[in-house]
Amino acid sequence: MPSDYLFLSGAILLVAFLYASVGHAGASGYIAVMTLFGLAPAAIKPAALLLNILVASLAAWQFWRAGHFSWELCWPFVITSVPCAFLGGYMHLPVGLFKIFLGIILLFSAARFLYHAGEEQEPHAPERPVAFTVGAGLGFVSGVTGVGGGIFLTPVMIFMRWARTKTASAISAFFILANSISGLLGNIAATREIPSFALPLALAAVLGGTAGSYFGSRRFSPIIIKRLLAVVLTVAGIKMLVP
């Protein structure tokens, strides 16, 4: 129904704004919204990845333009994550218990950001083998679950003090973009189709992503971003726990 598309598009726009403001693309939120509107489960994953690619592109561009991106810190995570995301997108695994575990981790991370936003601390880059391993693991999780992986990478980078908040957001945006493309290609290789209903939702995602990434990269303080990130992680965690 046209009214359903209107409400769905509005929800997609809000999700894109919220997630893009912290350098994310919104896949977990899109999955939750599309599930609530009763869309076919098999079509939700590629649709979420497609919207992810659009919003992550905008977020990566805005955070890069604002001077927060570090390629030297980013590439070790990306280079191993991309092939693993393709593998995860191609495979269809029973992920029930796996998602419960991830949901608990996300909610715990959200609680930490709510109560310990604090001041920025001096970061230190991880050792290359550590970054390669983390990238590979998060890439596979990204492909299997249909999210971009940044929902996990950002809290890891901030909690481990590998990057400042906005740098972590910038790197996560690029990480999400790379893994969403890889995961979508893996999914298309397995299903040979992209759901047509995702295309009309693209405009809403682009509008929300443009506004959110602008405010996140240029207007919001690191503390505000951490608070918003807590909201994002809570939404994602609940989605993982509640099918």
C-alpha atoms as a PDB file:
ATOM      1  CA  MET A   1       0.000   0.000   0.000  1.00  0.00           C
ATOM      2  CA  PRO A   2       1.254   3.559  -0.701  1.00  0.00           C
ATOM      3  CA  SER A   3       0.745   4.506   2.953  1.00  0.00           C
ATOM      4  CA  ASP A   4       2.927   1.581   4.026  1.00  0.00           C
ATOM      5  CA  TYR A   5       5.711   2.768   1.742  1.00  0.00           C
ATOM      6  CA  LEU A   6       5.383   6.289   3.170  1.00  0.00           C
ATOM      7  CA  PHE A   7       5.765   5.155   6.766  1.00  0.00           C
ATOM      8  CA  LEU A   8       8.508   2.689   5.840  1.00  0.00           C
ATOM      9  CA  SER A   9      10.424   5.413   3.986  1.00  0.00           C
ATOM     10  CA  GLY A  10      10.099   7.745   6.962  1.00  0.00           C
ATOM     11  CA  ALA A  11      11.455   5.094   9.296  1.00  0.00           C
ATOM     12  CA  ILE A  12      14.357   4.390   6.919  1.00  0.00           C
ATOM     13  CA  LEU A  13      15.178   8.121   6.794  1.00  0.00           C
ATOM     14  CA  LEU A  14      15.307   8.380  10.603  1.00  0.00           C
ATOM     15  CA  VAL A  15      17.451   5.265  10.908  1.00  0.00           C
ATOM     16  CA  ALA A  16      19.855   6.547   8.244  1.00  0.00           C
ATOM     17  CA  PHE A  17      20.182   9.926  10.008  1.00  0.00           C
ATOM     18  CA  LEU A  18      20.873   8.376  13.408  1.00  0.00           C
ATOM     19  CA  TYR A  19      23.372   5.809  12.188  1.00  0.00           C
ATOM     20  CA  ALA A  20      25.200   8.092   9.739  1.00  0.00           C
ATOM     21  CA  SER A  21      25.768  10.629  12.529  1.00  0.00           C
ATOM     22  CA  VAL A  22      28.098   8.097  14.208  1.00  0.00           C
ATOM     23  CA  GLY A  23      29.742   6.856  11.003  1.00  0.00           C
ATOM     24  CA  HIS A  24      27.496   3.843  10.583  1.00  0.00           C
ATOM     25  CA  ALA A  25      25.108   2.970   7.781  1.00  0.00           C
ATOM     26  CA  GLY A  26      22.062   1.516   9.540  1.00  0.00           C
ATOM     27  CA  ALA A  27      21.763  -2.100   8.373  1.00  0.00           C
ATOM     28  CA  SER A  28      20.655  -3.399  11.755  1.00  0.00           C
ATOM     29  CA  GLY A  29      18.034  -0.625  11.938  1.00  0.00           C
ATOM     30  CA  TYR A  30      16.846  -1.259   8.382  1.00  0.00           C
ATOM     31  CA  ILE A  31      16.527  -4.963   9.149  1.00  0.00           C
ATOM     32  CA  ALA A  32      14.428  -4.190  12.245  1.00  0.00           C
ATOM     33  CA  VAL A  33      12.166  -1.756  10.364  1.00  0.00           C
ATOM     34  CA  MET A  34      11.648  -4.000   7.348  1.00  0.00           C
ATOM     35  CA  THR A  35      10.915  -6.946   9.618  1.00  0.00           C
ATOM     36  CA  LEU A  36       8.253  -4.916  11.432  1.00  0.00           C
ATOM     37  CA  PHE A  37       6.636  -4.103   8.078  1.00  0.00           C
ATOM     38  CA  GLY A  38       6.436  -7.804   7.230  1.00  0.00           C
ATOM     39  CA  LEU A  39       8.851  -7.931   4.292  1.00  0.00           C
ATOM     40  CA  ALA A  40      10.187 -11.315   3.214  1.00  0.00           C
ATOM     41  CA  PRO A  41      13.184 -12.366   5.350  1.00  0.00           C
ATOM     42  CA  ALA A  42      15.171 -13.581   2.328  1.00  0.00           C
ATOM     43  CA  ALA A  43      14.834 -10.155   0.689  1.00  0.00           C
ATOM     44  CA  ILE A  44      15.607  -8.089   3.784  1.00  0.00           C
ATOM     45  CA  LYS A  45      19.325  -8.933   3.928  1.00  0.00           C
ATOM     46  CA  PRO A  46      20.262  -7.760   0.390  1.00  0.00           C
ATOM     47  CA  ALA A  47      17.967  -4.728   0.708  1.00  0.00           C
ATOM     48  CA  ALA A  48      19.678  -3.702   3.963  1.00  0.00           C
ATOM     49  CA  LEU A  49      23.103  -4.133   2.379  1.00  0.00           C
ATOM     50  CA  LEU A  50      22.104  -2.004  -0.606  1.00  0.00           C
ATOM     51  CA  LEU A  51      20.909   0.836   1.639  1.00  0.00           C
ATOM     52  CA  ASN A  52      24.054   0.354   3.710  1.00  0.00           C
ATOM     53  CA  ILE A  53      26.240   0.970   0.658  1.00  0.00           C
ATOM     54  CA  LEU A  54      24.490   4.262  -0.083  1.00  0.00           C
ATOM     55  CA  VAL A  55      24.600   5.623   3.461  1.00  0.00           C
ATOM     56  CA  ALA A  56      28.133   4.358   4.188  1.00  0.00           C
ATOM     57  CA  SER A  57      29.351   6.128   1.033  1.00  0.00           C
ATOM     58  CA  LEU A  58      27.901   9.404   2.301  1.00  0.00           C
ATOM     59  CA  ALA A  59      29.257   8.925   5.833  1.00  0.00           C
ATOM     60  CA  ALA A  60      32.745   7.983   4.592  1.00  0.00           C
ATOM     61  CA  TRP A  61      32.809  11.051   2.326  1.00  0.00           C
ATOM     62  CA  GLN A  62      31.638  13.497   5.007  1.00  0.00           C
ATOM     63  CA  PHE A  63      33.981  12.241   7.733  1.00  0.00           C
ATOM     64  CA  TRP A  64      36.895  12.208   5.256  1.00  0.00           C
ATOM     65  CA  ARG A  65      36.142  15.776   4.151  1.00  0.00           C
ATOM     66  CA  ALA A  66      36.071  16.862   7.801  1.00  0.00           C
ATOM     67  CA  GLY A  67      39.599  15.460   8.254  1.00  0.00           C
ATOM     68  CA  HIS A  68      38.829  12.516  10.542  1.00  0.00           C
ATOM     69  CA  PHE A  69      39.845   9.606   8.286  1.00  0.00           C
ATOM     70  CA  SER A  70      43.166   7.713   8.588  1.00  0.00           C
ATOM     71  CA  TRP A  71      43.974   5.327   5.750  1.00  0.00           C
ATOM     72  CA  GLU A  72      47.030   3.964   7.570  1.00  0.00           C
ATOM     73  CA  LEU A  73      44.845   2.882  10.477  1.00  0.00           C
ATOM     74  CA  CYS A  74      41.974   1.717   8.265  1.00  0.00           C
ATOM     75  CA  TRP A  75      43.491  -0.546   5.596  1.00  0.00           C
ATOM     76  CA  PRO A  76      44.681  -3.434   7.846  1.00  0.00           C
ATOM     77  CA  PHE A  77      41.091  -3.963   9.014  1.00  0.00           C
ATOM     78  CA  VAL A  78      39.615  -3.690   5.521  1.00  0.00           C
ATOM     79  CA  ILE A  79      42.045  -5.893   3.585  1.00  0.00           C
ATOM     80  CA  THR A  80      41.125  -9.049   5.503  1.00  0.00           C
ATOM     81  CA  SER A  81      37.488  -8.175   6.120  1.00  0.00           C
ATOM     82  CA  VAL A  82      36.396  -7.915   2.468  1.00  0.00           C
ATOM     83  CA  PRO A  83      36.970 -11.556   1.425  1.00  0.00           C
ATOM     84  CA  CYS A  84      35.533 -12.776   4.730  1.00  0.00           C
ATOM     85  CA  ALA A  85      32.423 -10.606   4.238  1.00  0.00           C
ATOM     86  CA  PHE A  86      31.948 -12.116   0.777  1.00  0.00           C
ATOM     87  CA  LEU A  87      32.213 -15.606   2.283  1.00  0.00           C
ATOM     88  CA  GLY A  88      29.753 -14.732   5.046  1.00  0.00           C
ATOM     89  CA  GLY A  89      27.316 -13.200   2.542  1.00  0.00           C
ATOM     90  CA  TYR A  90      27.457 -16.309   0.365  1.00  0.00           C
ATOM     91  CA  MET A  91      26.873 -18.729   3.235  1.00  0.00           C
ATOM     92  CA  HIS A  92      23.509 -19.334   4.896  1.00  0.00           C
ATOM     93  CA  LEU A  93      24.205 -20.415   8.461  1.00  0.00           C
ATOM     94  CA  PRO A  94      21.928 -21.038  11.457  1.00  0.00           C
ATOM     95  CA  VAL A  95      22.898 -17.963  13.463  1.00  0.00           C
ATOM     96  CA  GLY A  96      20.371 -17.999  16.324  1.00  0.00           C
ATOM     97  CA  LEU A  97      22.746 -18.454  19.286  1.00  0.00           C
ATOM     98  CA  PHE A  98      25.427 -16.482  17.501  1.00  0.00           C
ATOM     99  CA  LYS A  99      23.148 -13.441  17.223  1.00  0.00           C
ATOM    100  CA  ILE A 100      22.119 -13.695  20.890  1.00  0.00           C
ATOM    101  CA  PHE A 101      25.788 -13.568  21.870  1.00  0.00           C
ATOM    102  CA  LEU A 102      26.402 -10.549  19.631  1.00  0.00           C
ATOM    103  CA  GLY A 103      23.278  -8.815  20.934  1.00  0.00           C
ATOM    104  CA  ILE A 104      24.468  -9.085  24.533  1.00  0.00           C
ATOM    105  CA  ILE A 105      27.863  -7.651  23.559  1.00  0.00           C
ATOM    106  CA  LEU A 106      26.225  -4.707  21.787  1.00  0.00           C
ATOM    107  CA  LEU A 107      23.973  -3.904  24.757  1.00  0.00           C
ATOM    108  CA  PHE A 108      26.947  -4.071  27.117  1.00  0.00           C
ATOM    109  CA  SER A 109      28.858  -1.686  24.848  1.00  0.00           C
ATOM    110  CA  ALA A 110      25.870   0.666  24.746  1.00  0.00           C
ATOM    111  CA  ALA A 111      25.766   0.786  28.543  1.00  0.00           C
ATOM    112  CA  ARG A 112      29.457   1.672  28.681  1.00  0.00           C
ATOM    113  CA  PHE A 113      28.996   4.541  26.232  1.00  0.00           C
ATOM    114  CA  LEU A 114      26.021   5.884  28.201  1.00  0.00           C
ATOM    115  CA  TYR A 115      27.796   5.942  31.550  1.00  0.00           C
ATOM    116  CA  HIS A 116      31.403   6.510  30.481  1.00  0.00           C
ATOM    117  CA  ALA A 117      31.289   8.954  27.583  1.00  0.00           C
ATOM    118  CA  GLY A 118      34.150  10.848  29.209  1.00  0.00           C
ATOM    119  CA  GLU A 119      36.950  12.782  27.611  1.00  0.00           C
ATOM    120  CA  GLU A 120      39.014  11.710  24.604  1.00  0.00           C
ATOM    121  CA  GLN A 121      42.215   9.822  25.469  1.00  0.00           C
ATOM    122  CA  GLU A 122      45.421   9.618  23.468  1.00  0.00           C
ATOM    123  CA  PRO A 123      45.051   6.719  20.988  1.00  0.00           C
ATOM    124  CA  HIS A 124      47.622   4.115  19.950  1.00  0.00           C
ATOM    125  CA  ALA A 125      47.378   2.069  16.748  1.00  0.00           C
ATOM    126  CA  PRO A 126      47.020  -1.725  17.094  1.00  0.00           C
ATOM    127  CA  GLU A 127      49.685  -4.139  15.899  1.00  0.00           C
ATOM    128  CA  ARG A 128      49.120  -5.209  12.293  1.00  0.00           C
ATOM    129  CA  PRO A 129      48.427  -8.915  13.083  1.00  0.00           C
ATOM    130  CA  VAL A 130      45.787  -7.833  15.589  1.00  0.00           C
ATOM    131  CA  ALA A 131      44.126  -5.512  13.061  1.00  0.00           C
ATOM    132  CA  PHE A 132      44.202  -8.241  10.373  1.00  0.00           C
ATOM    133  CA  THR A 133      42.564 -10.738  12.733  1.00  0.00           C
ATOM    134  CA  VAL A 134      39.896  -8.334  13.979  1.00  0.00           C
ATOM    135  CA  GLY A 135      39.120  -7.259  10.415  1.00  0.00           C
ATOM    136  CA  ALA A 136      38.707 -10.847   9.228  1.00  0.00           C
ATOM    137  CA  GLY A 137      36.417 -11.773  12.112  1.00  0.00           C
ATOM    138  CA  LEU A 138      34.228  -8.705  11.812  1.00  0.00           C
ATOM    139  CA  GLY A 139      34.070  -9.069   8.036  1.00  0.00           C
ATOM    140  CA  PHE A 140      32.698 -12.600   8.350  1.00  0.00           C
ATOM    141  CA  VAL A 141      30.178 -11.488  10.991  1.00  0.00           C
ATOM    142  CA  SER A 142      29.166  -8.669   8.655  1.00  0.00           C
ATOM    143  CA  GLY A 143      28.461 -11.006   5.759  1.00  0.00           C
ATOM    144  CA  VAL A 144      26.620 -13.617   7.837  1.00  0.00           C
ATOM    145  CA  THR A 145      24.344 -11.202   9.695  1.00  0.00           C
ATOM    146  CA  GLY A 146      23.750  -8.705   6.870  1.00  0.00           C
ATOM    147  CA  VAL A 147      25.153  -5.705   8.773  1.00  0.00           C
ATOM    148  CA  GLY A 148      28.178  -3.675   7.734  1.00  0.00           C
ATOM    149  CA  GLY A 149      30.493  -4.625  10.605  1.00  0.00           C
ATOM    150  CA  GLY A 150      31.115  -1.077  11.798  1.00  0.00           C
ATOM    151  CA  ILE A 151      28.543  -1.592  14.541  1.00  0.00           C
ATOM    152  CA  PHE A 152      31.199  -3.846  16.102  1.00  0.00           C
ATOM    153  CA  LEU A 153      34.366  -2.084  14.907  1.00  0.00           C
ATOM    154  CA  THR A 154      33.602   1.361  16.361  1.00  0.00           C
ATOM    155  CA  PRO A 155      33.222   0.236  20.000  1.00  0.00           C
ATOM    156  CA  VAL A 156      36.276  -2.024  19.679  1.00  0.00           C
ATOM    157  CA  MET A 157      38.428   0.843  18.393  1.00  0.00           C
ATOM    158  CA  ILE A 158      37.207   3.263  21.072  1.00  0.00           C
ATOM    159  CA  PHE A 159      37.399   0.832  24.004  1.00  0.00           C
ATOM    160  CA  MET A 160      40.871  -0.374  22.937  1.00  0.00           C
ATOM    161  CA  ARG A 161      41.957   3.262  22.446  1.00  0.00           C
ATOM    162  CA  TRP A 162      43.022   2.610  18.875  1.00  0.00           C
ATOM    163  CA  ALA A 163      41.427   5.850  17.641  1.00  0.00           C
ATOM    164  CA  ARG A 164      39.566   8.943  18.769  1.00  0.00           C
ATOM    165  CA  THR A 165      35.786   8.873  18.485  1.00  0.00           C
ATOM    166  CA  LYS A 166      35.417  10.694  15.155  1.00  0.00           C
ATOM    167  CA  THR A 167      38.368   8.853  13.621  1.00  0.00           C
ATOM    168  CA  ALA A 168      36.777   5.557  14.676  1.00  0.00           C
ATOM    169  CA  SER A 169      33.525   6.715  13.059  1.00  0.00           C
ATOM    170  CA  ALA A 170      35.325   7.628   9.828  1.00  0.00           C
ATOM    171  CA  ILE A 171      37.147   4.296   9.645  1.00  0.00           C
ATOM    172  CA  SER A 172      33.968   2.385  10.446  1.00  0.00           C
ATOM    173  CA  ALA A 173      32.125   4.159   7.629  1.00  0.00           C
ATOM    174  CA  PHE A 174      34.740   3.042   5.101  1.00  0.00           C
ATOM    175  CA  PHE A 175      34.867  -0.436   6.674  1.00  0.00           C
ATOM    176  CA  ILE A 176      31.082  -0.717   6.379  1.00  0.00           C
ATOM    177  CA  LEU A 177      31.151   0.438   2.768  1.00  0.00           C
ATOM    178  CA  ALA A 178      33.764  -2.128   1.742  1.00  0.00           C
ATOM    179  CA  ASN A 179      32.117  -5.003   3.580  1.00  0.00           C
ATOM    180  CA  SER A 180      28.583  -4.127   2.491  1.00  0.00           C
ATOM    181  CA  ILE A 181      29.681  -4.189  -1.162  1.00  0.00           C
ATOM    182  CA  SER A 182      31.440  -7.512  -0.629  1.00  0.00           C
ATOM    183  CA  GLY A 183      28.539  -9.000   1.344  1.00  0.00           C
ATOM    184  CA  LEU A 184      25.992  -7.878  -1.248  1.00  0.00           C
ATOM    185  CA  LEU A 185      28.045  -9.385  -4.076  1.00  0.00           C
ATOM    186  CA  GLY A 186      28.209 -12.641  -2.127  1.00  0.00           C
ATOM    187  CA  ASN A 187      24.468 -12.591  -1.594  1.00  0.00           C
ATOM    188  CA  ILE A 188      23.783 -11.829  -5.262  1.00  0.00           C
ATOM    189  CA  ALA A 189      26.091 -14.675  -6.248  1.00  0.00           C
ATOM    190  CA  ALA A 190      23.911 -16.999  -4.183  1.00  0.00           C
ATOM    191  CA  THR A 191      20.438 -15.594  -4.977  1.00  0.00           C
ATOM    192  CA  ARG A 192      20.903 -13.897  -8.395  1.00  0.00           C
ATOM    193  CA  GLU A 193      18.581 -11.011  -7.509  1.00  0.00           C
ATOM    194  CA  ILE A 194      18.170  -7.659  -5.744  1.00  0.00           C
ATOM    195  CA  PRO A 195      14.737  -6.978  -4.206  1.00  0.00           C
ATOM    196  CA  SER A 196      12.924  -4.303  -6.204  1.00  0.00           C
ATOM    197  CA  PHE A 197      11.270  -2.730  -3.142  1.00  0.00           C
ATOM    198  CA  ALA A 198      14.711  -1.529  -1.953  1.00  0.00           C
ATOM    199  CA  LEU A 199      15.072   0.964  -4.800  1.00  0.00           C
ATOM    200  CA  PRO A 200      12.252   3.359  -3.726  1.00  0.00           C
ATOM    201  CA  LEU A 201      13.701   3.327  -0.196  1.00  0.00           C
ATOM    202  CA  ALA A 202      17.095   4.476  -1.468  1.00  0.00           C
ATOM    203  CA  LEU A 203      16.037   8.141  -1.644  1.00  0.00           C
ATOM    204  CA  ALA A 204      14.955   8.163   1.995  1.00  0.00           C
ATOM    205  CA  ALA A 205      18.240   6.539   3.027  1.00  0.00           C
ATOM    206  CA  VAL A 206      20.259   9.075   1.021  1.00  0.00           C
ATOM    207  CA  LEU A 207      18.415  12.047   2.545  1.00  0.00           C
ATOM    208  CA  GLY A 208      18.807  10.760   6.093  1.00  0.00           C
ATOM    209  CA  GLY A 209      22.409   9.690   5.536  1.00  0.00           C
ATOM    210  CA  THR A 210      23.417  13.031   4.061  1.00  0.00           C
ATOM    211  CA  ALA A 211      22.028  15.019   6.990  1.00  0.00           C
ATOM    212  CA  GLY A 212      23.247  12.611   9.665  1.00  0.00           C
ATOM    213  CA  SER A 213      26.815  12.322   8.366  1.00  0.00           C
ATOM    214  CA  TYR A 214      27.085  16.120   8.051  1.00  0.00           C
ATOM    215  CA  PHE A 215      26.042  16.756  11.646  1.00  0.00           C
ATOM    216  CA  GLY A 216      28.122  13.860  12.980  1.00  0.00           C
ATOM    217  CA  SER A 217      31.327  14.859  11.194  1.00  0.00           C
ATOM    218  CA  ARG A 218      31.089  18.637  11.653  1.00  0.00           C
ATOM    219  CA  ARG A 219      28.589  19.643  14.344  1.00  0.00           C
ATOM    220  CA  PHE A 220      28.276  17.013  17.063  1.00  0.00           C
ATOM    221  CA  SER A 221      30.900  16.736  19.815  1.00  0.00           C
ATOM    222  CA  PRO A 222      32.579  13.369  20.598  1.00  0.00           C
ATOM    223  CA  ILE A 223      30.437  13.037  23.726  1.00  0.00           C
ATOM    224  CA  ILE A 224      27.230  13.516  21.733  1.00  0.00           C
ATOM    225  CA  ILE A 225      28.457  10.958  19.200  1.00  0.00           C
ATOM    226  CA  LYS A 226      29.106   8.459  21.995  1.00  0.00           C
ATOM    227  CA  ARG A 227      25.590   9.024  23.348  1.00  0.00           C
ATOM    228  CA  LEU A 228      24.108   8.539  19.897  1.00  0.00           C
ATOM    229  CA  LEU A 229      26.313   5.497  19.436  1.00  0.00           C
ATOM    230  CA  ALA A 230      24.839   4.045  22.618  1.00  0.00           C
ATOM    231  CA  VAL A 231      21.363   4.445  21.097  1.00  0.00           C
ATOM    232  CA  VAL A 232      22.519   2.807  17.859  1.00  0.00           C
ATOM    233  CA  LEU A 233      24.120  -0.105  19.710  1.00  0.00           C
ATOM    234  CA  THR A 234      20.970  -0.563  21.796  1.00  0.00           C
ATOM    235  CA  VAL A 235      18.796  -0.759  18.675  1.00  0.00           C
ATOM    236  CA  ALA A 236      21.214  -3.187  17.059  1.00  0.00           C
ATOM    237  CA  GLY A 237      21.515  -5.294  20.218  1.00  0.00           C
ATOM    238  CA  ILE A 238      17.749  -5.602  20.643  1.00  0.00           C
ATOM    239  CA  LYS A 239      17.439  -6.550  16.967  1.00  0.00           C
ATOM    240  CA  MET A 240      19.990  -9.313  17.493  1.00  0.00           C
ATOM    241  CA  LEU A 241      18.145 -10.645  20.548  1.00  0.00           C
ATOM    242  CA  VAL A 242      14.583 -10.345  19.215  1.00  0.00           C
ATOM    243  CA  PRO A 243      14.050 -12.125  15.869  1.00  0.00           C
END
